[in-house]
Amino acid sequence: MAVKRFSGQFRRPDEAMLREKAGYDDPRARFYKAMLEASTYDEYYRLSGDEPVYPRTYKGPVTAHMEIRYARSVRGWIADH
């Protein structure tokens, strides 16, 4: 079953936190860097790539979609435009 990806533009209500997370020594940092560079979800997915990462603090792989969903729905670091 394919994951339904977000589409359209987004904004960064908490850009400072994204910048902080992008600077961490964590494999998910590439996703936060992509969130800072992109202005649309499609651009974010393109910049992030399809390769999952395996952070020490999470059991199993983390994908670009999982991380943007977390940043959007749980933390509020990004929001739809």
N, C-alpha and C. Protein backbone atom coordinates (compact mmCIF):
# COMPACT_ATOMS: atom_id res chain seq x y z
N MET A 1 0.84 -1.19 0.00
CA MET A 1 0.00 0.00 0.00
C MET A 1 0.88 1.25 0.00
N ALA A 2 0.66 2.13 -0.93
CA ALA A 2 1.46 3.35 -1.06
C ALA A 2 1.07 4.37 0.01
N VAL A 3 2.07 5.10 0.46
CA VAL A 3 1.84 6.16 1.44
C VAL A 3 1.32 7.39 0.73
N LYS A 4 0.25 7.98 1.25
CA LYS A 4 -0.27 9.22 0.68
C LYS A 4 0.60 10.37 1.16
N ARG A 5 1.32 10.95 0.25
CA ARG A 5 2.22 12.05 0.60
C ARG A 5 1.47 13.37 0.66
N PHE A 6 2.01 14.29 1.45
CA PHE A 6 1.45 15.63 1.52
C PHE A 6 1.78 16.36 0.21
N SER A 7 1.01 17.38 -0.11
CA SER A 7 1.30 18.17 -1.31
C SER A 7 1.00 19.64 -1.03
N GLY A 8 1.52 20.49 -1.88
CA GLY A 8 1.33 21.92 -1.72
C GLY A 8 2.50 22.57 -1.00
N GLN A 9 2.30 23.82 -0.64
CA GLN A 9 3.35 24.58 0.04
C GLN A 9 3.25 24.41 1.55
N PHE A 10 4.38 24.63 2.22
CA PHE A 10 4.36 24.65 3.68
C PHE A 10 5.19 25.82 4.18
N ARG A 11 4.95 26.17 5.42
CA ARG A 11 5.71 27.24 6.08
C ARG A 11 6.37 26.65 7.32
N ARG A 12 7.27 27.41 7.92
CA ARG A 12 8.04 26.93 9.06
C ARG A 12 7.79 27.81 10.29
N PRO A 13 6.71 27.55 11.06
CA PRO A 13 6.44 28.35 12.25
C PRO A 13 7.55 28.27 13.30
N ASP A 14 8.29 27.17 13.32
CA ASP A 14 9.38 27.02 14.29
C ASP A 14 10.68 26.71 13.55
N GLU A 15 11.11 27.66 12.74
CA GLU A 15 12.32 27.48 11.95
C GLU A 15 13.55 27.31 12.84
N ALA A 16 13.56 27.96 13.99
CA ALA A 16 14.70 27.85 14.89
C ALA A 16 14.91 26.39 15.33
N MET A 17 13.84 25.69 15.62
CA MET A 17 13.98 24.29 16.03
C MET A 17 14.45 23.43 14.87
N LEU A 18 13.95 23.71 13.67
CA LEU A 18 14.42 22.95 12.50
C LEU A 18 15.92 23.17 12.29
N ARG A 19 16.37 24.41 12.46
CA ARG A 19 17.81 24.69 12.31
C ARG A 19 18.62 23.95 13.37
N GLU A 20 18.10 23.93 14.58
CA GLU A 20 18.79 23.20 15.65
C GLU A 20 18.89 21.72 15.31
N LYS A 21 17.77 21.12 14.92
CA LYS A 21 17.74 19.70 14.60
C LYS A 21 18.62 19.37 13.38
N ALA A 22 18.68 20.29 12.43
CA ALA A 22 19.50 20.08 11.23
C ALA A 22 20.99 20.03 11.57
N GLY A 23 21.37 20.63 12.69
CA GLY A 23 22.76 20.65 13.09
C GLY A 23 23.19 19.47 13.95
N TYR A 24 22.25 18.63 14.33
CA TYR A 24 22.57 17.48 15.18
C TYR A 24 23.34 16.42 14.41
N ASP A 25 24.11 15.65 15.15
CA ASP A 25 24.79 14.49 14.58
C ASP A 25 23.81 13.32 14.64
N ASP A 26 22.87 13.34 13.73
CA ASP A 26 21.77 12.37 13.71
C ASP A 26 21.44 12.13 12.24
N PRO A 27 21.19 10.90 11.85
CA PRO A 27 20.90 10.64 10.44
C PRO A 27 19.65 11.37 9.93
N ARG A 28 18.75 11.74 10.84
CA ARG A 28 17.54 12.48 10.42
C ARG A 28 17.83 13.93 10.09
N ALA A 29 19.02 14.42 10.39
CA ALA A 29 19.36 15.82 10.12
C ALA A 29 19.15 16.17 8.65
N ARG A 30 19.38 15.22 7.77
CA ARG A 30 19.19 15.52 6.33
C ARG A 30 17.74 15.86 6.02
N PHE A 31 16.81 15.27 6.75
CA PHE A 31 15.39 15.60 6.55
C PHE A 31 15.10 17.03 7.00
N TYR A 32 15.68 17.44 8.11
CA TYR A 32 15.46 18.80 8.61
C TYR A 32 16.12 19.83 7.70
N LYS A 33 17.28 19.49 7.16
CA LYS A 33 17.93 20.39 6.19
C LYS A 33 17.04 20.55 4.96
N ALA A 34 16.44 19.46 4.51
CA ALA A 34 15.54 19.52 3.35
C ALA A 34 14.31 20.36 3.67
N MET A 35 13.79 20.27 4.90
CA MET A 35 12.63 21.09 5.29
C MET A 35 12.99 22.57 5.26
N LEU A 36 14.22 22.89 5.60
CA LEU A 36 14.66 24.29 5.58
C LEU A 36 14.87 24.80 4.16
N GLU A 37 15.29 23.94 3.26
CA GLU A 37 15.57 24.34 1.88
C GLU A 37 14.31 24.38 1.01
N ALA A 38 13.36 23.52 1.30
CA ALA A 38 12.18 23.38 0.45
C ALA A 38 11.08 24.37 0.83
N SER A 39 10.23 24.65 -0.13
CA SER A 39 9.04 25.46 0.16
C SER A 39 7.76 24.69 -0.17
N THR A 40 7.93 23.51 -0.78
CA THR A 40 6.78 22.65 -1.06
C THR A 40 7.10 21.23 -0.58
N TYR A 41 6.04 20.47 -0.36
CA TYR A 41 6.24 19.08 0.05
C TYR A 41 6.94 18.28 -1.05
N ASP A 42 6.55 18.51 -2.31
CA ASP A 42 7.19 17.78 -3.41
C ASP A 42 8.70 18.05 -3.44
N GLU A 43 9.06 19.30 -3.24
CA GLU A 43 10.49 19.65 -3.22
C GLU A 43 11.18 18.98 -2.03
N TYR A 44 10.52 18.96 -0.89
CA TYR A 44 11.08 18.29 0.29
C TYR A 44 11.34 16.81 0.00
N TYR A 45 10.35 16.13 -0.57
CA TYR A 45 10.52 14.70 -0.87
C TYR A 45 11.66 14.49 -1.87
N ARG A 46 11.77 15.38 -2.85
CA ARG A 46 12.85 15.26 -3.84
C ARG A 46 14.21 15.44 -3.18
N LEU A 47 14.34 16.45 -2.32
CA LEU A 47 15.61 16.72 -1.64
C LEU A 47 15.96 15.63 -0.63
N SER A 48 14.97 15.05 0.00
CA SER A 48 15.20 14.05 1.04
C SER A 48 15.59 12.69 0.48
N GLY A 49 15.08 12.37 -0.68
CA GLY A 49 15.35 11.07 -1.26
C GLY A 49 14.48 9.98 -0.65
N ASP A 50 14.62 8.79 -1.18
CA ASP A 50 13.78 7.67 -0.76
C ASP A 50 14.46 6.74 0.24
N GLU A 51 15.72 6.99 0.52
CA GLU A 51 16.48 6.10 1.40
C GLU A 51 16.14 6.37 2.87
N PRO A 52 15.66 5.38 3.61
CA PRO A 52 15.38 5.59 5.03
C PRO A 52 16.68 5.70 5.83
N VAL A 53 16.57 6.24 7.02
CA VAL A 53 17.71 6.33 7.93
C VAL A 53 17.40 5.49 9.17
N TYR A 54 18.44 5.19 9.93
CA TYR A 54 18.30 4.33 11.10
C TYR A 54 18.90 5.01 12.33
N PRO A 55 18.14 5.92 12.96
CA PRO A 55 18.67 6.59 14.15
C PRO A 55 18.74 5.63 15.34
N ARG A 56 19.69 5.89 16.21
CA ARG A 56 19.86 5.05 17.41
C ARG A 56 18.66 5.13 18.34
N THR A 57 17.95 6.24 18.30
CA THR A 57 16.86 6.48 19.25
C THR A 57 15.51 5.94 18.79
N TYR A 58 15.48 5.25 17.67
CA TYR A 58 14.21 4.74 17.13
C TYR A 58 14.43 3.32 16.63
N LYS A 59 13.51 2.45 16.95
CA LYS A 59 13.63 1.06 16.48
C LYS A 59 13.08 0.97 15.07
N GLY A 60 13.96 0.72 14.14
CA GLY A 60 13.54 0.58 12.76
C GLY A 60 13.88 1.79 11.92
N PRO A 61 13.52 1.73 10.64
CA PRO A 61 13.86 2.81 9.72
C PRO A 61 12.93 4.02 9.89
N VAL A 62 13.47 5.18 9.54
CA VAL A 62 12.69 6.42 9.51
C VAL A 62 12.78 6.95 8.08
N THR A 63 11.63 7.21 7.49
CA THR A 63 11.58 7.72 6.12
C THR A 63 11.35 9.23 6.12
N ALA A 64 11.55 9.82 4.97
CA ALA A 64 11.31 11.26 4.81
C ALA A 64 9.86 11.60 5.16
N HIS A 65 8.93 10.77 4.72
CA HIS A 65 7.52 11.04 5.01
C HIS A 65 7.22 10.93 6.51
N MET A 66 7.79 9.92 7.15
CA MET A 66 7.57 9.79 8.60
C MET A 66 8.06 11.03 9.33
N GLU A 67 9.20 11.55 8.92
CA GLU A 67 9.78 12.68 9.65
C GLU A 67 9.03 13.98 9.38
N ILE A 68 8.58 14.20 8.16
CA ILE A 68 7.83 15.44 7.91
C ILE A 68 6.44 15.35 8.56
N ARG A 69 5.89 14.16 8.62
CA ARG A 69 4.61 13.98 9.32
C ARG A 69 4.79 14.29 10.81
N TYR A 70 5.88 13.84 11.39
CA TYR A 70 6.19 14.12 12.80
C TYR A 70 6.37 15.63 13.01
N ALA A 71 7.15 16.26 12.14
CA ALA A 71 7.41 17.70 12.27
C ALA A 71 6.13 18.52 12.09
N ARG A 72 5.23 18.04 11.27
CA ARG A 72 3.99 18.76 10.95
C ARG A 72 2.89 18.47 11.97
N SER A 73 2.63 17.21 12.22
CA SER A 73 1.46 16.83 13.01
C SER A 73 1.72 16.77 14.51
N VAL A 74 2.92 16.39 14.90
CA VAL A 74 3.21 16.23 16.33
C VAL A 74 3.85 17.48 16.92
N ARG A 75 4.86 18.01 16.24
CA ARG A 75 5.63 19.12 16.80
C ARG A 75 5.20 20.52 16.34
N GLY A 76 4.58 20.63 15.18
CA GLY A 76 4.18 21.94 14.68
C GLY A 76 5.34 22.77 14.16
N TRP A 77 6.44 22.11 13.79
CA TRP A 77 7.60 22.83 13.27
C TRP A 77 7.36 23.32 11.85
N ILE A 78 6.48 22.63 11.12
CA ILE A 78 6.04 23.09 9.81
C ILE A 78 4.52 23.04 9.79
N ALA A 79 3.93 23.79 8.86
CA ALA A 79 2.48 23.83 8.73
C ALA A 79 2.13 24.12 7.27
N ASP A 80 0.95 23.71 6.88
CA ASP A 80 0.51 24.01 5.52
C ASP A 80 0.42 25.52 5.33
N HIS A 81 0.72 25.94 4.12
CA HIS A 81 0.68 27.37 3.79
C HIS A 81 -0.73 27.80 3.53
